């Protein structure tokens, strides 16, 4: 570290690198950018082919894996392992609950929530899921549309992040393991052996998935920002403008990066949550309040009642060619893959801020509380969009056909009282959530490519911010939303496997509340089980027992 400091920021950057992980991850990201610059049609065609195979032939795997994670999260809440502390037994949480929840929610799927909140339900209202089986733009379609938004953005969406975070935080804060994804294999290889090739492969896959997942979000929400600018000003930015705007947003989150977690992400997260609440409440009060409550309540009941069936629904009966149907593949499989592609960076970020909390606290906050905030948003935005469309007060479907999904929110807010104010607030919300998500993702990429450093150098994070911003811009220019969805499905696949590996790590470790890789030759101090003899007898039997294992 002394050498790094003497050489300044560049020396620190070079000193901290986990070279294999950084080099391969950088090469993959740079190669993707170059491919879309030089051969956009070929690159888009290849992505389409891989994507089509994954969601038709392997879509069932995403569904089964996600349900397994949800079931395990339920066990952690109600089972005996919920009391396990992520840190020393007497350690207090690093952040207050309000700060913890605000950062967790803002870094999670909140940016995507802003994009799809006004758009998804109106889509399902027009093109109804085969599972719902209602007539297009009917009352049944309205309930089913909001029901599916709850399903796609509720318990399942948040569970994958928490499951990935828990074993990493447990090993990091109890046994000083590195904060990186490969830590989930510690029960089998030992903490001292997390530099093996298999660990490097997992971390490289994590970098790959994070790049694809975050580029998807940055592209989607960036397009929403651009459409908002066009909607308000009447000026189209074009392809070069798209790249310029995404570059500007990248600079914005780079500033937040430089401020760090305590000043940057935490403060911006407070602002995000406050503005999110204002927009939700204002839309609920100024919009069709009775309709929102009536349809939202029925949709919530249907979501709870049909959750298991929806989790395993593939639409195969409606698909002549077999496999997962186009509707399920284009929506549910896409979302599950998107959440899996986000598990490396959101999981790492949640692990980073969860020190001192119990397993139950993390799961309840990350899954139950986050879902509790998300459902009112989708009920309000989806119910308002459907009501305005049905009553002819806003032709949101026509706007979507002309401007894409990114344009759905602006006619919605414009049709309400104080529409101009709400539109402006919505545009600010889009921007700040995007900055927070991009900020936390570059923090995670920095941690992954520096061997688990909790505070990677600013240079490292700026490099990843630039690459993700460039890739998002090119995906938007060459393929739009379809290309972004394809990137998420492709990069999320491997992490469905890694997430289940995280479950196995917790089962192996939590079952006796001590890792099973304890061996005499391991240079790691781990807690011992409750002794059956007195402390004096233990000391007489082993003079080295005077050392307190918790000191490590």
Protein backbone atom coordinates (compact mmCIF):
# COMPACT_ATOMS: atom_id res chain seq x y z
CA UNK A 1 0.00 0.00 0.00
CA UNK A 2 2.90 2.35 0.70
CA UNK A 3 4.11 1.95 -2.87
CA UNK A 4 0.62 2.67 -4.19
CA UNK A 5 0.40 5.89 -2.18
CA UNK A 6 3.84 7.06 -3.26
CA UNK A 7 2.89 6.59 -6.91
CA UNK A 8 -0.36 8.53 -6.58
CA UNK A 9 -3.77 7.55 -8.00
CA UNK A 10 -2.31 5.61 -10.95
CA UNK A 11 -0.03 3.66 -8.65
CA UNK A 12 -2.97 2.81 -6.38
CA UNK A 13 -5.00 1.68 -9.39
CA UNK A 14 -2.25 -0.63 -10.64
CA UNK A 15 -1.40 -1.93 -7.18
CA UNK A 16 -4.97 -2.92 -6.30
CA UNK A 17 -5.84 -4.77 -9.52
CA UNK A 18 -6.79 -8.43 -9.63
CA UNK A 19 -5.14 -8.56 -13.04
CA UNK A 20 -6.76 -11.69 -14.57
CA UNK A 21 -10.30 -10.63 -13.62
CA UNK A 22 -9.80 -7.00 -14.67
CA UNK A 23 -8.06 -7.87 -17.94
CA UNK A 24 -10.59 -10.46 -19.11
CA UNK A 25 -13.56 -8.33 -18.02
CA UNK A 26 -12.12 -5.25 -19.71
CA UNK A 27 -11.41 -7.21 -22.88
CA UNK A 28 -14.97 -8.60 -23.04
CA UNK A 29 -16.50 -5.16 -22.53
CA UNK A 30 -14.15 -3.47 -24.99
CA UNK A 31 -14.69 -6.23 -27.58
CA UNK A 32 -18.47 -5.80 -27.31
CA UNK A 33 -18.15 -2.05 -27.82
CA UNK A 34 -15.85 -2.51 -30.84
CA UNK A 35 -18.12 -5.17 -32.36
CA UNK A 36 -21.15 -2.88 -32.22
CA UNK A 37 -19.12 -0.01 -33.71
CA UNK A 38 -17.58 -1.95 -36.60
CA UNK A 39 -20.14 -4.70 -37.29
CA UNK A 40 -23.45 -3.57 -35.82
CA UNK A 41 -25.66 -5.83 -37.95
CA UNK A 42 -23.56 -8.95 -37.38
CA UNK A 43 -23.29 -8.29 -33.64
CA UNK A 44 -27.04 -7.71 -33.33
CA UNK A 45 -27.78 -10.84 -35.35
CA UNK A 46 -25.55 -12.99 -33.16
CA UNK A 47 -27.19 -11.62 -30.01
CA UNK A 48 -30.63 -12.36 -31.42
CA UNK A 49 -29.74 -15.97 -32.23
CA UNK A 50 -28.30 -16.68 -28.80
CA UNK A 51 -31.20 -14.93 -27.09
CA UNK A 52 -33.82 -16.87 -29.06
CA UNK A 53 -32.24 -20.16 -28.08
CA UNK A 54 -31.98 -19.25 -24.40
CA UNK A 55 -35.55 -18.12 -23.83
CA UNK A 56 -37.18 -20.84 -25.93
CA UNK A 57 -35.07 -23.89 -25.06
CA UNK A 58 -33.77 -22.92 -21.62
CA UNK A 59 -36.46 -20.55 -20.38
CA UNK A 60 -37.79 -23.19 -17.99
CA UNK A 61 -34.44 -23.11 -16.17
CA UNK A 62 -34.78 -19.42 -15.30
CA UNK A 63 -38.26 -20.07 -13.89
CA UNK A 64 -37.27 -23.08 -11.77
CA UNK A 65 -34.12 -21.43 -10.43
CA UNK A 66 -35.95 -18.25 -9.40
CA UNK A 67 -38.69 -20.12 -7.56
CA UNK A 68 -36.08 -22.15 -5.66
CA UNK A 69 -34.49 -18.89 -4.47
CA UNK A 70 -37.84 -17.49 -3.32
CA UNK A 71 -38.62 -20.68 -1.37
CA UNK A 72 -35.22 -20.55 0.33
CA UNK A 73 -35.65 -16.86 1.21
CA UNK A 74 -38.93 -17.75 2.92
CA UNK A 75 -37.12 -20.39 4.95
CA UNK A 76 -34.48 -17.85 6.02
CA UNK A 77 -37.18 -15.48 7.27
CA UNK A 78 -39.08 -18.04 9.33
CA UNK A 79 -36.34 -20.57 10.04
CA UNK A 80 -33.63 -20.67 12.73
CA UNK A 81 -30.87 -19.31 10.52
CA UNK A 82 -32.47 -15.87 10.44
CA UNK A 83 -30.73 -14.92 13.70
CA UNK A 84 -27.21 -15.41 12.33
CA UNK A 85 -25.27 -12.15 12.50
CA UNK A 86 -23.29 -10.88 9.52
CA UNK A 87 -20.36 -9.84 11.65
CA UNK A 88 -19.37 -10.20 15.28
CA UNK A 89 -22.21 -11.15 17.61
CA UNK A 90 -22.11 -7.79 19.41
CA UNK A 91 -21.56 -5.70 16.29
CA UNK A 92 -24.02 -2.92 15.47
CA UNK A 93 -25.15 -2.21 11.88
CA UNK A 94 -22.90 0.17 9.98
CA UNK A 95 -25.84 2.22 8.66
CA UNK A 96 -29.18 3.24 10.14
CA UNK A 97 -32.21 1.36 8.82
CA UNK A 98 -33.41 4.36 6.80
CA UNK A 99 -30.03 4.81 5.11
CA UNK A 100 -29.69 1.06 4.61
CA UNK A 101 -33.08 0.68 2.97
CA UNK A 102 -32.70 3.80 0.81
CA UNK A 103 -29.35 2.64 -0.57
CA UNK A 104 -30.52 -0.94 -1.06
CA UNK A 105 -33.67 0.10 -2.91
CA UNK A 106 -31.99 2.76 -5.05
CA UNK A 107 -29.18 0.43 -6.07
CA UNK A 108 -31.52 -2.47 -6.76
CA UNK A 109 -34.14 -2.39 -9.49
CA UNK A 110 -35.38 1.11 -8.77
CA UNK A 111 -34.06 2.55 -12.05
CA UNK A 112 -35.94 -0.14 -13.98
CA UNK A 113 -39.03 0.47 -11.87
CA UNK A 114 -39.10 4.07 -13.06
CA UNK A 115 -38.84 2.93 -16.69
CA UNK A 116 -41.44 0.15 -16.63
CA UNK A 117 -43.84 1.60 -14.03
CA UNK A 118 -45.98 3.55 -16.52
CA UNK A 119 -45.29 1.15 -19.45
CA UNK A 120 -45.67 -2.49 -18.46
CA UNK A 121 -49.27 -2.69 -17.28
CA UNK A 122 -50.56 -0.87 -20.36
CA UNK A 123 -48.65 -3.39 -22.49
CA UNK A 124 -50.27 -6.35 -20.71
CA UNK A 125 -53.65 -4.61 -20.91
CA UNK A 126 -53.36 -4.54 -24.70
CA UNK A 127 -51.46 -7.81 -25.28
CA UNK A 128 -52.80 -10.08 -22.56
CA UNK A 129 -50.80 -12.94 -21.08
CA UNK A 130 -52.13 -16.39 -22.06
CA UNK A 131 -52.12 -17.17 -18.34
CA UNK A 132 -54.75 -14.47 -17.72
CA UNK A 133 -56.82 -15.49 -20.73
CA UNK A 134 -58.90 -12.29 -20.87
CA UNK A 135 -60.00 -10.21 -23.85
CA UNK A 136 -57.63 -7.42 -24.82
CA UNK A 137 -58.40 -4.08 -23.09
CA UNK A 138 -61.12 -5.64 -20.94
CA UNK A 139 -61.70 -5.35 -17.19
CA UNK A 140 -60.14 -8.77 -16.70
CA UNK A 141 -57.14 -7.72 -18.77
CA UNK A 142 -56.68 -4.67 -16.53
CA UNK A 143 -56.53 -6.74 -13.35
CA UNK A 144 -54.27 -9.33 -14.98
CA UNK A 145 -51.96 -6.63 -16.32
CA UNK A 146 -51.29 -5.16 -12.88
CA UNK A 147 -51.10 -8.65 -11.37
CA UNK A 148 -48.23 -9.47 -13.73
CA UNK A 149 -46.38 -6.26 -12.90
CA UNK A 150 -46.52 -7.29 -9.23
CA UNK A 151 -45.21 -10.71 -10.21
CA UNK A 152 -42.33 -9.42 -12.34
CA UNK A 153 -41.21 -6.73 -9.87
CA UNK A 154 -42.15 -8.26 -6.51
CA UNK A 155 -40.73 -11.01 -4.33
CA UNK A 156 -38.89 -12.85 -7.09
CA UNK A 157 -37.09 -9.79 -8.38
CA UNK A 158 -35.59 -8.86 -5.02
CA UNK A 159 -34.85 -12.38 -3.78
CA UNK A 160 -31.97 -13.13 -6.15
CA UNK A 161 -29.98 -10.11 -4.89
CA UNK A 162 -30.36 -10.98 -1.23
CA UNK A 163 -29.49 -14.65 -1.73
CA UNK A 164 -26.24 -13.64 -3.43
CA UNK A 165 -25.39 -11.07 -0.76
CA UNK A 166 -25.82 -13.22 2.35
CA UNK A 167 -23.00 -15.79 2.07
CA UNK A 168 -20.58 -13.11 0.84
CA UNK A 169 -21.37 -10.83 3.79
CA UNK A 170 -21.23 -13.75 6.23
CA UNK A 171 -17.76 -14.89 5.22
CA UNK A 172 -16.47 -11.34 4.76
CA UNK A 173 -17.54 -9.99 8.14
CA UNK A 174 -16.99 -13.08 10.25
CA UNK A 175 -13.82 -14.48 8.66
CA UNK A 176 -12.32 -11.58 6.65
CA UNK A 177 -13.03 -13.21 3.30
CA UNK A 178 -12.80 -10.91 0.27
CA UNK A 179 -15.92 -9.06 -0.87
CA UNK A 180 -16.30 -10.77 -4.23
CA UNK A 181 -18.66 -13.24 -5.84
CA UNK A 182 -16.24 -16.18 -5.74
CA UNK A 183 -16.47 -16.08 -1.93
CA UNK A 184 -19.62 -18.23 -2.27
CA UNK A 185 -17.42 -21.28 -2.92
CA UNK A 186 -15.51 -20.81 0.35
CA UNK A 187 -17.24 -23.77 2.06
CA UNK A 188 -15.64 -26.12 -0.46
CA UNK A 189 -12.22 -24.59 -1.19
CA UNK A 190 -11.48 -22.59 1.98
CA UNK A 191 -11.03 -18.86 2.33
CA UNK A 192 -7.29 -19.10 1.84
CA UNK A 193 -7.81 -20.73 -1.56
CA UNK A 194 -10.07 -18.17 -3.19
CA UNK A 195 -7.37 -17.28 -5.69
CA UNK A 196 -7.74 -20.60 -7.49
CA UNK A 197 -8.69 -20.62 -11.20
CA UNK A 198 -12.29 -21.64 -10.46
CA UNK A 199 -12.69 -18.56 -8.27
CA UNK A 200 -11.27 -16.35 -11.02
CA UNK A 201 -13.73 -17.83 -13.51
CA UNK A 202 -16.67 -17.02 -11.22
CA UNK A 203 -15.49 -13.44 -10.74
CA UNK A 204 -14.99 -13.03 -14.49
CA UNK A 205 -18.52 -14.30 -15.09
CA UNK A 206 -19.68 -11.78 -12.50
CA UNK A 207 -17.99 -8.95 -14.39
CA UNK A 208 -19.54 -10.18 -17.64
CA UNK A 209 -23.04 -10.39 -16.14
CA UNK A 210 -22.75 -6.99 -14.45
CA UNK A 211 -21.70 -5.29 -17.68
CA UNK A 212 -24.66 -6.76 -19.56
CA UNK A 213 -27.20 -6.14 -16.82
CA UNK A 214 -26.17 -2.59 -16.04
CA UNK A 215 -25.79 -1.66 -19.71
CA UNK A 216 -29.38 -2.87 -20.16
CA UNK A 217 -30.65 -0.64 -17.37
CA UNK A 218 -28.53 2.33 -18.37
CA UNK A 219 -29.79 1.98 -21.94
CA UNK A 220 -33.46 1.63 -20.98
CA UNK A 221 -33.52 4.47 -18.48
CA UNK A 222 -31.24 6.58 -20.66
CA UNK A 223 -33.72 6.24 -23.52
CA UNK A 224 -36.48 7.32 -21.15
CA UNK A 225 -34.47 10.42 -20.29
CA UNK A 226 -33.91 11.19 -23.98
CA UNK A 227 -37.58 10.77 -24.83
CA UNK A 228 -38.42 13.04 -21.93
CA UNK A 229 -36.11 15.72 -23.27
CA UNK A 230 -37.70 15.34 -26.69
CA UNK A 231 -41.22 15.40 -25.20
CA UNK A 232 -40.58 18.60 -23.23
CA UNK A 233 -38.47 20.48 -25.79
CA UNK A 234 -39.74 19.02 -29.07
CA UNK A 235 -36.14 18.50 -30.22
CA UNK A 236 -34.93 15.04 -31.27
CA UNK A 237 -31.36 14.35 -30.14
CA UNK A 238 -30.51 11.69 -32.77
CA UNK A 239 -27.87 8.97 -32.50
CA UNK A 240 -24.98 11.32 -31.73
CA UNK A 241 -27.10 13.09 -29.17
CA UNK A 242 -27.94 9.76 -27.59
CA UNK A 243 -24.27 8.96 -27.13
CA UNK A 244 -23.59 12.48 -25.84
CA UNK A 245 -26.41 12.34 -23.28
CA UNK A 246 -25.37 8.93 -21.96
CA UNK A 247 -21.82 10.27 -21.70
CA UNK A 248 -23.12 13.20 -19.66
CA UNK A 249 -24.99 10.88 -17.33
CA UNK A 250 -21.82 8.82 -16.99
CA UNK A 251 -19.96 11.95 -15.90
CA UNK A 252 -22.72 12.63 -13.34
CA UNK A 253 -22.43 9.27 -11.66
CA UNK A 254 -18.62 9.53 -11.81
CA UNK A 255 -18.91 12.56 -9.53
CA UNK A 256 -21.01 10.48 -7.15
CA UNK A 257 -18.36 7.76 -7.41
CA UNK A 258 -15.68 10.16 -6.24
CA UNK A 259 -17.73 11.07 -3.16
CA UNK A 260 -17.96 7.42 -2.05
CA UNK A 261 -20.71 5.40 -0.37
CA UNK A 262 -21.16 7.54 2.71
CA UNK A 263 -21.47 10.90 0.94
CA UNK A 264 -22.40 10.05 -2.64
CA UNK A 265 -24.66 7.02 -2.79
CA UNK A 266 -26.29 7.53 0.62
CA UNK A 267 -27.24 11.16 0.08
CA UNK A 268 -28.48 10.58 -3.44
CA UNK A 269 -30.46 7.56 -2.24
CA UNK A 270 -32.24 9.70 0.37
CA UNK A 271 -33.18 12.15 -2.38
CA UNK A 272 -34.33 9.32 -4.67
CA UNK A 273 -36.65 7.81 -2.10
CA UNK A 274 -38.15 11.16 -1.12
CA UNK A 275 -38.84 12.09 -4.75
CA UNK A 276 -40.10 8.57 -5.50
CA UNK A 277 -42.61 8.92 -2.66
CA UNK A 278 -43.70 12.38 -3.84
CA UNK A 279 -44.34 11.22 -7.42
CA UNK A 280 -46.20 8.10 -6.25
CA UNK A 281 -48.45 9.93 -3.77
CA UNK A 282 -49.11 12.84 -6.14
CA UNK A 283 -50.12 10.49 -8.96
CA UNK A 284 -52.31 8.48 -6.61
CA UNK A 285 -54.11 11.58 -5.28
CA UNK A 286 -54.39 13.47 -8.58
CA UNK A 287 -55.17 10.34 -10.61
CA UNK A 288 -58.07 7.87 -10.53
CA UNK A 289 -57.68 7.00 -6.85
CA UNK A 290 -60.75 4.77 -6.55
CA UNK A 291 -59.86 2.85 -9.71
CA UNK A 292 -56.28 2.36 -8.54
CA UNK A 293 -57.41 0.95 -5.21
CA UNK A 294 -60.12 -1.27 -6.68
CA UNK A 295 -58.10 -2.83 -9.48
CA UNK A 296 -54.87 -2.85 -7.45
CA UNK A 297 -56.49 -4.69 -4.54
CA UNK A 298 -57.91 -7.38 -6.82
CA UNK A 299 -54.59 -7.70 -8.65
CA UNK A 300 -52.72 -8.10 -5.35
CA UNK A 301 -55.07 -10.89 -4.27
CA UNK A 302 -54.63 -12.64 -7.61
CA UNK A 303 -50.83 -12.27 -7.35
CA UNK A 304 -50.78 -13.90 -3.91
CA UNK A 305 -53.23 -16.62 -4.92
CA UNK A 306 -51.55 -17.49 -8.25
CA UNK A 307 -47.91 -16.93 -7.26
CA UNK A 308 -46.78 -20.56 -7.42
CA UNK A 309 -48.64 -21.29 -10.66
CA UNK A 310 -47.31 -18.13 -12.32
CA UNK A 311 -43.79 -19.01 -11.19
CA UNK A 312 -43.88 -22.26 -13.18
CA UNK A 313 -46.01 -21.08 -16.11
CA UNK A 314 -44.19 -21.48 -19.46
CA UNK A 315 -47.09 -21.04 -21.85
CA UNK A 316 -46.08 -24.27 -23.57
CA UNK A 317 -49.70 -25.25 -24.19
CA UNK A 318 -50.19 -22.11 -26.31
CA UNK A 319 -46.86 -22.54 -28.14
CA UNK A 320 -47.18 -24.81 -31.17
CA UNK A 321 -43.43 -25.28 -31.47
CA UNK A 322 -43.00 -26.39 -27.86
CA UNK A 323 -40.78 -24.74 -25.30
CA UNK A 324 -41.46 -21.44 -23.59
CA UNK A 325 -44.04 -19.27 -25.35
CA UNK A 326 -43.13 -15.93 -26.87
CA UNK A 327 -45.07 -13.97 -24.26
CA UNK A 328 -43.39 -15.70 -21.31
CA UNK A 329 -39.99 -15.53 -22.97
CA UNK A 330 -40.28 -11.88 -23.86
CA UNK A 331 -41.49 -10.86 -20.41
CA UNK A 332 -40.99 -13.26 -17.49
CA UNK A 333 -37.82 -14.96 -18.76
CA UNK A 334 -36.39 -11.58 -19.74
CA UNK A 335 -37.04 -10.19 -16.28
CA UNK A 336 -35.68 -13.21 -14.44
CA UNK A 337 -32.53 -13.12 -16.59
CA UNK A 338 -32.23 -9.38 -15.99
CA UNK A 339 -32.41 -9.88 -12.22
CA UNK A 340 -29.86 -12.69 -12.41
CA UNK A 341 -27.51 -10.47 -14.42
CA UNK A 342 -27.80 -7.87 -11.67
CA UNK A 343 -27.11 -10.30 -8.82
CA UNK A 344 -23.30 -9.86 -8.89
CA UNK A 345 -23.29 -6.12 -8.44
CA UNK A 346 -26.43 -5.67 -6.33
CA UNK A 347 -25.50 -8.70 -4.24
CA UNK A 348 -22.04 -7.29 -3.63
CA UNK A 349 -23.44 -3.86 -2.85
CA UNK A 350 -25.96 -5.27 -0.37
CA UNK A 351 -23.16 -7.31 1.23
CA UNK A 352 -21.05 -4.15 1.43
CA UNK A 353 -23.71 -2.24 3.43
CA UNK A 354 -25.07 -5.15 5.55
CA UNK A 355 -22.35 -5.48 8.15
CA UNK A 356 -23.79 -5.97 11.63
CA UNK A 357 -27.25 -7.05 10.46
CA UNK A 358 -28.81 -10.48 10.87
CA UNK A 359 -29.78 -12.76 8.01
CA UNK A 360 -33.46 -12.18 8.77
CA UNK A 361 -33.06 -8.40 8.77
CA UNK A 362 -31.41 -8.46 5.36
CA UNK A 363 -34.03 -10.77 3.81
CA UNK A 364 -37.00 -8.91 5.29
CA UNK A 365 -35.60 -5.53 4.24
CA UNK A 366 -34.33 -6.62 0.85
CA UNK A 367 -37.32 -8.76 -0.18
CA UNK A 368 -40.42 -7.98 1.89
CA UNK A 369 -39.94 -4.24 2.50
CA UNK A 370 -38.71 -3.60 -1.04
CA UNK A 371 -41.70 -5.44 -2.49
CA UNK A 372 -43.96 -3.48 -0.16
CA UNK A 373 -42.68 -0.23 -1.66
CA UNK A 374 -42.77 -1.51 -5.23
CA UNK A 375 -46.39 -2.74 -5.30
CA UNK A 376 -47.98 0.70 -4.61
CA UNK A 377 -45.86 2.21 -7.39
CA UNK A 378 -47.00 -0.30 -10.01
CA UNK A 379 -50.60 -0.24 -8.82
CA UNK A 380 -50.61 3.56 -9.09
CA UNK A 381 -48.76 3.90 -12.40
CA UNK A 382 -50.35 0.89 -14.07
CA UNK A 383 -53.85 1.69 -12.85
CA UNK A 384 -53.55 5.32 -13.93
CA UNK A 385 -52.22 4.41 -17.39
CA UNK A 386 -55.01 1.90 -18.01
CA UNK A 387 -57.72 4.26 -16.72
CA UNK A 388 -56.52 7.15 -18.90
CA UNK A 389 -56.30 4.90 -21.96
CA UNK A 390 -59.72 3.33 -21.36
CA UNK A 391 -61.41 6.71 -20.90
CA UNK A 392 -59.71 8.42 -23.82
CA UNK A 393 -57.89 10.98 -21.71
CA UNK A 394 -54.44 9.88 -22.95
CA UNK A 395 -53.55 7.64 -25.88
CA UNK A 396 -50.55 6.03 -24.22
CA UNK A 397 -50.51 3.00 -26.54
CA UNK A 398 -50.11 5.26 -29.59
CA UNK A 399 -47.26 7.15 -27.93
CA UNK A 400 -45.54 3.83 -27.16
CA UNK A 401 -45.93 2.69 -30.78
CA UNK A 402 -44.28 5.94 -31.95
CA UNK A 403 -41.67 6.60 -29.27
CA UNK A 404 -41.28 3.19 -27.65
CA UNK A 405 -41.80 2.09 -24.07
CA UNK A 406 -39.68 4.99 -22.86
CA UNK A 407 -42.41 7.44 -23.82
CA UNK A 408 -45.21 5.93 -21.73
CA UNK A 409 -44.82 8.10 -18.63
CA UNK A 410 -45.00 11.52 -20.24
CA UNK A 411 -48.56 11.43 -21.67
CA UNK A 412 -49.67 9.82 -18.40
CA UNK A 413 -48.44 12.69 -16.24
CA UNK A 414 -49.44 15.33 -18.77
CA UNK A 415 -53.08 14.16 -18.55
CA UNK A 416 -53.20 14.77 -14.79
CA UNK A 417 -53.59 18.05 -12.90
CA UNK A 418 -50.18 19.72 -12.41
CA UNK A 419 -49.03 17.59 -15.34
CA UNK A 420 -46.08 19.83 -16.19
CA UNK A 421 -44.74 19.68 -12.65
CA UNK A 422 -45.17 15.89 -12.47
CA UNK A 423 -43.45 15.44 -15.82
CA UNK A 424 -40.47 17.47 -14.65
CA UNK A 425 -40.26 15.57 -11.35
CA UNK A 426 -40.48 12.27 -13.22
CA UNK A 427 -37.59 13.28 -15.48
CA UNK A 428 -35.48 14.18 -12.44
CA UNK A 429 -36.39 10.84 -10.84
CA UNK A 430 -35.30 9.00 -13.97
CA UNK A 431 -31.95 10.77 -13.85
CA UNK A 432 -31.16 10.33 -10.18
CA UNK A 433 -32.13 6.65 -10.06
CA UNK A 434 -30.01 6.00 -13.12
CA UNK A 435 -27.03 7.74 -11.54
CA UNK A 436 -27.40 5.77 -8.30
CA UNK A 437 -27.66 2.41 -10.05
CA UNK A 438 -24.70 3.16 -12.28
CA UNK A 439 -22.68 4.40 -9.30
CA UNK A 440 -23.27 1.28 -7.22
CA UNK A 441 -22.58 -0.97 -10.22
CA UNK A 442 -19.18 0.58 -10.85
CA UNK A 443 -18.41 0.18 -7.15
CA UNK A 444 -19.21 -3.53 -7.49
CA UNK A 445 -17.12 -3.86 -10.65
CA UNK A 446 -14.27 -2.17 -8.85
CA UNK A 447 -14.59 -4.60 -5.95
CA UNK A 448 -14.71 -7.57 -8.34
CA UNK A 449 -11.62 -6.49 -10.25
CA UNK A 450 -9.50 -5.61 -7.21
CA UNK A 451 -9.87 -8.87 -5.31
CA UNK A 452 -12.64 -7.57 -3.03
CA UNK A 453 -11.35 -4.10 -2.12
CA UNK A 454 -14.26 -2.28 -0.38
CA UNK A 455 -13.04 1.08 -1.69
CA UNK A 456 -11.59 0.59 -5.19
CA UNK A 457 -9.81 3.53 -6.77
CA UNK A 458 -11.75 6.19 -8.64
CA UNK A 459 -9.76 5.42 -11.80
CA UNK A 460 -10.96 1.83 -11.74
CA UNK A 461 -14.59 2.84 -11.39
CA UNK A 462 -14.36 5.56 -14.04
CA UNK A 463 -13.01 3.00 -16.52
CA UNK A 464 -15.98 0.73 -15.92
CA UNK A 465 -18.39 3.64 -16.04
CA UNK A 466 -17.07 4.66 -19.44
CA UNK A 467 -17.29 1.14 -20.87
CA UNK A 468 -20.81 0.53 -19.56
CA UNK A 469 -21.97 3.92 -20.84
CA UNK A 470 -20.43 3.28 -24.27
CA UNK A 471 -22.00 -0.16 -24.55
CA UNK A 472 -25.41 1.13 -23.44
CA UNK A 473 -25.28 3.94 -26.01
CA UNK A 474 -24.37 1.58 -28.84
CA UNK A 475 -27.04 -0.96 -27.90
CA UNK A 476 -29.62 1.84 -27.92
CA UNK A 477 -28.46 3.14 -31.31
CA UNK A 478 -28.17 -0.24 -33.03
CA UNK A 479 -30.99 -2.27 -31.57
CA UNK A 480 -33.00 -0.30 -29.04
CA UNK A 481 -34.96 -2.04 -26.30
CA UNK A 482 -34.85 -5.44 -28.04
CA UNK A 483 -31.05 -5.47 -28.05
CA UNK A 484 -30.96 -4.42 -24.41
CA UNK A 485 -33.35 -7.22 -23.43
CA UNK A 486 -31.26 -9.73 -25.35
CA UNK A 487 -28.10 -8.62 -23.56
CA UNK A 488 -29.77 -9.17 -20.20
CA UNK A 489 -31.01 -12.68 -21.04
CA UNK A 490 -27.62 -13.76 -22.37
CA UNK A 491 -25.58 -12.45 -19.45
CA UNK A 492 -28.03 -13.54 -16.77
CA UNK A 493 -28.00 -17.24 -17.59
CA UNK A 494 -24.77 -18.26 -15.83
CA UNK A 495 -25.80 -16.46 -12.65
CA UNK A 496 -28.90 -18.53 -12.23
CA UNK A 497 -26.38 -21.30 -11.50
CA UNK A 498 -24.18 -19.14 -9.26
CA UNK A 499 -27.21 -18.00 -7.25
CA UNK A 500 -28.13 -21.62 -6.52
CA UNK A 501 -24.50 -22.19 -5.55
CA UNK A 502 -24.93 -19.38 -3.01
CA UNK A 503 -27.93 -21.28 -1.58
CA UNK A 504 -25.82 -24.42 -1.27
CA UNK A 505 -23.07 -22.42 0.47
CA UNK A 506 -25.54 -21.18 3.08
CA UNK A 507 -26.99 -24.64 3.65
CA UNK A 508 -23.53 -26.11 4.15
CA UNK A 509 -22.38 -23.27 6.42
CA UNK A 510 -25.47 -22.23 8.36
CA UNK A 511 -26.49 -25.80 9.21
CA UNK A 512 -23.86 -25.85 11.94
CA UNK A 513 -23.24 -22.08 11.97
CA UNK A 514 -19.63 -22.72 11.05
CA UNK A 515 -18.02 -23.43 7.69
CA UNK A 516 -17.24 -27.07 6.99
CA UNK A 517 -13.82 -26.30 5.51
CA UNK A 518 -12.19 -25.98 8.95
CA UNK A 519 -8.95 -27.89 8.83
CA UNK A 520 -5.82 -27.72 10.96
CA UNK A 521 -3.74 -26.58 8.03
CA UNK A 522 -6.07 -23.64 7.25
CA UNK A 523 -4.61 -20.37 8.44
CA UNK A 524 -8.08 -19.04 9.30
CA UNK A 525 -9.56 -18.63 12.76
CA UNK A 526 -13.15 -19.82 12.93
CA UNK A 527 -15.53 -19.96 15.87
CA UNK A 528 -15.56 -23.19 17.79
CA UNK A 529 -18.74 -24.99 18.82
CA UNK A 530 -19.91 -24.61 22.40
CA UNK A 531 -17.41 -26.55 24.56
CA UNK A 532 -18.68 -29.38 26.71
CA UNK A 533 -15.81 -28.89 29.18
CA UNK A 534 -14.84 -25.93 31.29
CA UNK A 535 -12.58 -23.16 30.03
CA UNK A 536 -9.80 -24.38 32.37
CA UNK A 537 -10.01 -27.91 30.94
CA UNK A 538 -9.92 -26.53 27.43
CA UNK A 539 -6.88 -24.39 28.24
CA UNK A 540 -5.07 -27.35 29.79
CA UNK A 541 -5.79 -29.45 26.73
CA UNK A 542 -4.72 -26.78 24.25
CA UNK A 543 -2.51 -23.88 25.41
CA UNK A 544 -3.21 -22.04 22.16
CA UNK A 545 -6.87 -21.77 23.17
CA UNK A 546 -6.09 -18.53 25.02
CA UNK A 547 -6.40 -16.71 21.72
CA UNK A 548 -9.82 -15.29 20.99
CA UNK A 549 -10.96 -16.48 17.56
CA UNK A 550 -13.12 -13.40 17.15
CA UNK A 551 -9.99 -11.22 17.08
CA UNK A 552 -9.56 -12.30 13.50
